[in-house]
N, C-alpha and C. Protein backbone atom coordinates (compact mmCIF):
# COMPACT_ATOMS: atom_id res chain seq x y z
N ILE A 1 108.43 113.47 108.43
CA ILE A 1 109.25 112.31 108.68
C ILE A 1 108.17 111.32 109.38
N ALA A 2 108.26 110.03 108.69
CA ALA A 2 107.54 109.13 109.32
C ALA A 2 108.08 108.37 110.34
N ILE A 3 107.49 108.31 111.69
CA ILE A 3 108.10 107.52 112.65
C ILE A 3 107.84 106.19 112.82
N ALA A 4 106.58 105.85 112.29
CA ALA A 4 106.16 104.19 112.20
C ALA A 4 105.30 103.99 110.99
N SER A 5 105.28 102.68 110.61
CA SER A 5 104.19 102.52 109.61
C SER A 5 103.84 101.14 109.79
N ASP A 6 102.56 100.82 109.39
CA ASP A 6 101.75 99.67 109.73
C ASP A 6 101.52 99.05 108.28
N CYS A 7 101.59 97.68 108.24
CA CYS A 7 100.94 96.94 106.90
C CYS A 7 100.13 95.82 107.57
N LEU A 8 98.76 95.67 106.91
CA LEU A 8 97.89 94.67 107.24
C LEU A 8 98.00 93.61 106.25
N PHE A 9 98.17 92.44 106.66
CA PHE A 9 98.16 91.22 105.86
C PHE A 9 96.80 90.21 106.16
N PRO A 10 95.85 90.56 105.63
CA PRO A 10 94.40 90.00 106.05
C PRO A 10 94.41 88.57 105.37
N CYS A 11 95.30 88.24 104.41
CA CYS A 11 95.25 86.71 103.75
C CYS A 11 96.58 86.20 104.35
N GLY A 12 97.29 86.65 105.34
CA GLY A 12 98.59 86.04 105.57
C GLY A 12 99.89 86.73 104.96
N LEU A 13 100.84 86.16 105.32
CA LEU A 13 102.26 86.70 105.08
C LEU A 13 102.66 86.27 103.80
N ALA A 14 102.11 85.16 103.30
CA ALA A 14 102.62 84.63 101.84
C ALA A 14 102.19 85.12 100.72
N LEU A 15 102.78 86.29 100.32
CA LEU A 15 102.37 86.97 99.13
C LEU A 15 102.91 86.28 97.90
N PRO A 16 102.38 86.33 96.74
CA PRO A 16 103.00 85.93 95.54
C PRO A 16 104.17 86.44 95.12
N CYS A 17 105.16 85.90 94.61
CA CYS A 17 106.34 86.36 94.07
C CYS A 17 106.17 87.15 92.74
N GLU A 18 106.70 88.19 92.67
CA GLU A 18 106.45 89.15 91.40
C GLU A 18 107.84 89.15 90.51
N HIS A 19 107.86 89.31 89.43
CA HIS A 19 109.00 89.38 88.66
C HIS A 19 109.58 90.89 88.74
N ASP A 20 108.53 91.80 88.72
CA ASP A 20 109.06 93.13 89.01
C ASP A 20 108.16 93.92 89.79
N LEU A 21 108.75 94.48 90.74
CA LEU A 21 107.98 95.20 91.98
C LEU A 21 108.01 96.80 91.61
N GLY A 22 108.91 97.16 90.72
CA GLY A 22 109.55 98.47 90.29
C GLY A 22 109.99 99.01 91.32
N LEU A 23 110.89 98.29 92.12
CA LEU A 23 111.59 98.76 93.15
C LEU A 23 112.90 99.48 92.64
N LEU A 24 113.13 100.73 92.95
CA LEU A 24 114.20 101.64 92.52
C LEU A 24 114.78 102.09 93.47
N ALA A 25 116.21 102.27 93.58
CA ALA A 25 116.89 102.74 94.56
C ALA A 25 118.18 103.48 94.23
N THR A 26 118.94 104.38 94.88
CA THR A 26 120.02 104.97 94.63
C THR A 26 120.90 105.10 96.05
N CYS A 27 122.15 105.05 95.97
CA CYS A 27 122.78 105.26 97.27
C CYS A 27 123.67 106.46 96.88
N ARG A 28 123.68 107.26 97.88
CA ARG A 28 124.41 108.71 97.79
C ARG A 28 125.29 108.90 98.83
N CYS A 29 126.36 109.56 98.80
CA CYS A 29 127.41 109.95 99.89
C CYS A 29 126.94 111.45 100.07
N ASP A 30 126.80 111.90 101.26
CA ASP A 30 126.92 113.33 101.62
C ASP A 30 128.04 113.83 101.89
N GLU A 31 127.98 115.25 102.05
CA GLU A 31 129.45 115.83 102.40
C GLU A 31 130.10 115.51 103.62
N TYR A 32 129.58 114.58 104.33
CA TYR A 32 130.32 114.19 105.72
C TYR A 32 130.77 112.63 105.25
N GLY A 33 130.66 112.28 104.23
CA GLY A 33 131.06 110.98 103.87
C GLY A 33 130.02 109.87 104.37
N GLU A 34 128.86 110.23 104.67
CA GLU A 34 127.96 109.11 105.17
C GLU A 34 127.21 108.75 104.03
N PHE A 35 126.89 107.51 103.80
CA PHE A 35 126.02 106.80 102.81
C PHE A 35 124.65 106.57 103.22
N TYR A 36 123.62 107.03 102.16
CA TYR A 36 122.24 106.89 102.30
C TYR A 36 121.53 106.15 101.16
N LEU A 37 120.66 105.21 101.54
CA LEU A 37 119.92 104.62 100.35
C LEU A 37 118.53 105.22 100.40
N GLN A 38 117.99 105.71 99.15
CA GLN A 38 116.92 106.11 98.97
C GLN A 38 116.08 105.18 97.93
N MET A 39 114.81 104.78 98.42
CA MET A 39 114.17 103.59 97.65
C MET A 39 112.69 104.18 97.47
N GLN A 40 112.07 103.55 96.49
CA GLN A 40 110.58 103.70 96.11
C GLN A 40 110.23 102.37 95.44
N THR A 41 108.94 102.20 95.29
CA THR A 41 108.50 101.06 94.57
C THR A 41 107.12 101.37 93.97
N THR A 42 106.85 100.69 92.89
CA THR A 42 105.48 100.80 92.21
C THR A 42 104.59 100.00 92.75
N LYS A 43 104.81 98.76 93.36
CA LYS A 43 104.06 97.68 93.99
C LYS A 43 104.57 97.33 95.32
N PHE A 44 103.98 96.91 96.12
CA PHE A 44 104.11 96.53 97.41
C PHE A 44 105.27 95.64 97.58
N ALA A 45 106.36 96.22 98.35
CA ALA A 45 107.63 95.28 98.57
C ALA A 45 107.68 94.70 100.09
N GLN A 46 107.62 93.56 100.29
CA GLN A 46 107.61 92.92 101.48
C GLN A 46 109.04 92.71 102.13
N SER A 47 109.07 92.91 103.23
CA SER A 47 110.31 92.61 104.22
C SER A 47 111.59 92.81 103.25
N VAL A 48 111.81 94.02 102.96
CA VAL A 48 113.05 94.29 101.99
C VAL A 48 114.37 94.25 102.96
N PHE A 49 115.12 93.43 102.18
CA PHE A 49 116.35 93.24 102.92
C PHE A 49 117.69 93.98 102.18
N VAL A 50 118.24 94.62 103.10
CA VAL A 50 119.52 95.43 102.67
C VAL A 50 120.80 94.83 102.79
N HIS A 51 121.42 94.33 101.58
CA HIS A 51 122.59 93.60 101.84
C HIS A 51 123.61 94.40 101.19
N ALA A 52 124.52 94.79 102.20
CA ALA A 52 125.70 95.87 102.07
C ALA A 52 126.90 95.36 102.82
N PRO A 53 127.68 94.49 102.42
CA PRO A 53 128.80 93.96 103.08
C PRO A 53 129.79 95.22 103.56
N GLY A 54 130.07 95.05 104.59
CA GLY A 54 130.87 96.22 105.20
C GLY A 54 130.11 97.28 105.78
N PHE A 55 128.92 97.34 105.70
CA PHE A 55 128.04 98.30 106.08
C PHE A 55 126.88 97.78 106.93
N ARG A 56 126.34 98.38 107.90
CA ARG A 56 125.19 98.18 108.55
C ARG A 56 124.00 99.12 108.54
N PRO A 57 122.96 98.68 107.87
CA PRO A 57 121.71 99.66 107.58
C PRO A 57 121.17 99.89 108.94
N ASP A 58 120.62 101.29 109.13
CA ASP A 58 119.77 101.47 110.23
C ASP A 58 118.32 100.99 110.32
N ASP A 59 117.86 100.31 109.19
CA ASP A 59 116.68 99.69 109.18
C ASP A 59 116.83 98.69 108.18
N ASN A 60 116.14 97.31 108.36
CA ASN A 60 116.14 96.38 107.42
C ASN A 60 115.00 95.57 107.64
N TYR A 61 114.73 94.69 106.66
CA TYR A 61 113.44 93.96 106.52
C TYR A 61 112.17 94.52 107.00
N PHE A 62 112.14 95.87 106.12
CA PHE A 62 110.96 96.69 106.26
C PHE A 62 110.10 96.50 104.97
N HIS A 63 108.78 96.82 105.21
CA HIS A 63 107.84 96.91 103.98
C HIS A 63 107.86 98.17 103.38
N LEU A 64 107.78 98.15 102.12
CA LEU A 64 107.70 99.39 101.36
C LEU A 64 106.31 99.61 100.47
N ALA A 65 105.73 100.61 100.85
CA ALA A 65 104.36 100.52 99.84
C ALA A 65 104.54 101.54 98.84
N PRO A 66 103.68 101.22 97.75
CA PRO A 66 103.79 101.99 96.54
C PRO A 66 103.68 103.53 96.80
N GLY A 67 104.37 104.49 96.20
CA GLY A 67 104.16 105.88 96.45
C GLY A 67 105.13 106.49 97.44
N ASN A 68 105.60 105.52 98.40
CA ASN A 68 106.14 106.00 99.40
C ASN A 68 107.82 105.98 99.13
N THR A 69 108.54 106.88 99.99
CA THR A 69 110.02 106.88 99.74
C THR A 69 110.68 106.54 101.07
N LYS A 70 111.59 105.49 101.06
CA LYS A 70 112.40 105.14 102.30
C LYS A 70 113.71 105.64 102.22
N ILE A 71 114.38 106.08 103.34
CA ILE A 71 115.73 106.47 103.42
C ILE A 71 116.35 105.64 104.55
N VAL A 72 117.47 104.92 104.15
CA VAL A 72 118.07 104.06 105.08
C VAL A 72 119.51 104.61 105.17
N ARG A 73 120.07 104.99 106.28
CA ARG A 73 121.49 105.23 106.41
C ARG A 73 122.44 103.92 106.52
N LEU A 74 123.45 103.94 105.97
CA LEU A 74 124.68 102.82 105.87
C LEU A 74 125.68 103.25 106.82
N TYR A 75 125.95 102.59 107.97
CA TYR A 75 126.92 102.69 108.89
C TYR A 75 128.13 101.72 108.44
N ALA A 76 129.25 102.40 108.29
CA ALA A 76 130.64 101.47 107.75
C ALA A 76 130.88 100.77 109.03
N VAL A 77 131.05 99.41 108.98
CA VAL A 77 131.73 98.50 110.04
C VAL A 77 133.05 98.03 109.50
N GLY A 78 133.44 98.39 108.59
CA GLY A 78 134.65 97.85 107.94
C GLY A 78 135.62 98.89 107.48
N LYS A 79 136.56 98.23 106.48
CA LYS A 79 137.20 99.21 105.88
C LYS A 79 136.71 99.46 104.33
N THR A 80 135.71 98.67 103.96
CA THR A 80 134.87 99.14 102.85
C THR A 80 134.61 100.59 102.57
N THR A 81 135.10 101.13 101.36
CA THR A 81 134.81 102.66 101.23
C THR A 81 133.63 102.99 100.65
N VAL A 82 133.05 102.15 99.64
CA VAL A 82 132.11 102.33 98.81
C VAL A 82 131.14 101.14 98.81
N PRO A 83 129.98 101.28 99.48
CA PRO A 83 128.93 100.13 99.53
C PRO A 83 128.49 99.51 98.13
N ALA A 84 128.56 98.17 98.13
CA ALA A 84 127.81 97.57 97.00
C ALA A 84 126.63 96.80 97.57
N VAL A 85 125.58 97.60 97.21
CA VAL A 85 124.37 97.24 97.88
C VAL A 85 123.21 96.35 96.78
N VAL A 86 122.64 95.41 97.57
CA VAL A 86 121.93 94.70 96.72
C VAL A 86 120.51 94.57 97.81
N LEU A 87 119.32 95.05 97.09
CA LEU A 87 118.09 95.14 97.94
C LEU A 87 117.30 93.65 97.47
N GLN A 88 116.66 93.10 98.35
CA GLN A 88 115.99 91.73 97.91
C GLN A 88 114.56 91.84 98.70
N ALA A 89 113.41 91.80 98.07
CA ALA A 89 112.12 91.92 98.80
C ALA A 89 111.73 90.47 98.84
N LEU A 90 110.94 90.15 99.97
CA LEU A 90 110.41 88.75 100.11
C LEU A 90 109.72 88.23 98.93
N ASN A 91 108.76 89.11 98.39
CA ASN A 91 107.91 88.88 97.40
C ASN A 91 108.42 89.03 95.95
N ALA A 92 109.67 89.41 95.84
CA ALA A 92 110.36 89.66 94.43
C ALA A 92 111.10 88.39 94.17
N ARG A 93 111.18 87.79 92.91
CA ARG A 93 111.94 86.78 92.28
C ARG A 93 113.25 87.01 92.34
N SER A 94 113.84 88.23 92.39
CA SER A 94 115.35 88.56 92.38
C SER A 94 115.39 89.79 93.14
N GLY A 95 116.77 90.15 93.43
CA GLY A 95 117.14 91.39 94.02
C GLY A 95 117.53 92.28 93.10
N ILE A 96 117.89 93.58 93.45
CA ILE A 96 118.31 94.61 92.30
C ILE A 96 119.57 95.19 92.97
N ARG A 97 120.42 95.37 92.14
CA ARG A 97 121.62 96.11 92.60
C ARG A 97 121.53 97.65 92.40
N VAL A 98 122.05 98.31 93.46
CA VAL A 98 121.82 99.69 93.65
C VAL A 98 123.06 100.58 93.38
N PRO A 99 122.80 101.38 92.28
CA PRO A 99 124.16 102.18 92.13
C PRO A 99 124.35 102.99 93.21
N THR A 100 125.85 103.47 93.19
CA THR A 100 126.05 104.34 94.48
C THR A 100 126.72 105.61 93.38
N LEU A 101 125.95 106.89 93.72
CA LEU A 101 126.18 107.93 93.07
C LEU A 101 126.89 109.01 94.01
N ASN A 102 127.85 109.82 93.45
CA ASN A 102 128.58 110.81 94.21
C ASN A 102 128.15 112.20 94.12
């Protein structure tokens, strides 16, 4: 389990926007009713924003390097029972909708 990660931006934070970062994710519910996002990417994803109305992610605006897997827990803060999640990276032209699997 990774405790921390670093990313170096030698040319600054303004990366060009990509049409497709290869960002893939699923949301799963465990046996206790807790929801977890699992993400991976084929290109560097900068400052990934987790938008999940009615839920609070335990991490947000993180960088995701190719080949790494990131797991984020979603805490319910409202009466929503199933999260409708969209991920948006700063260097992606559009976000992706995340399917929720049981």
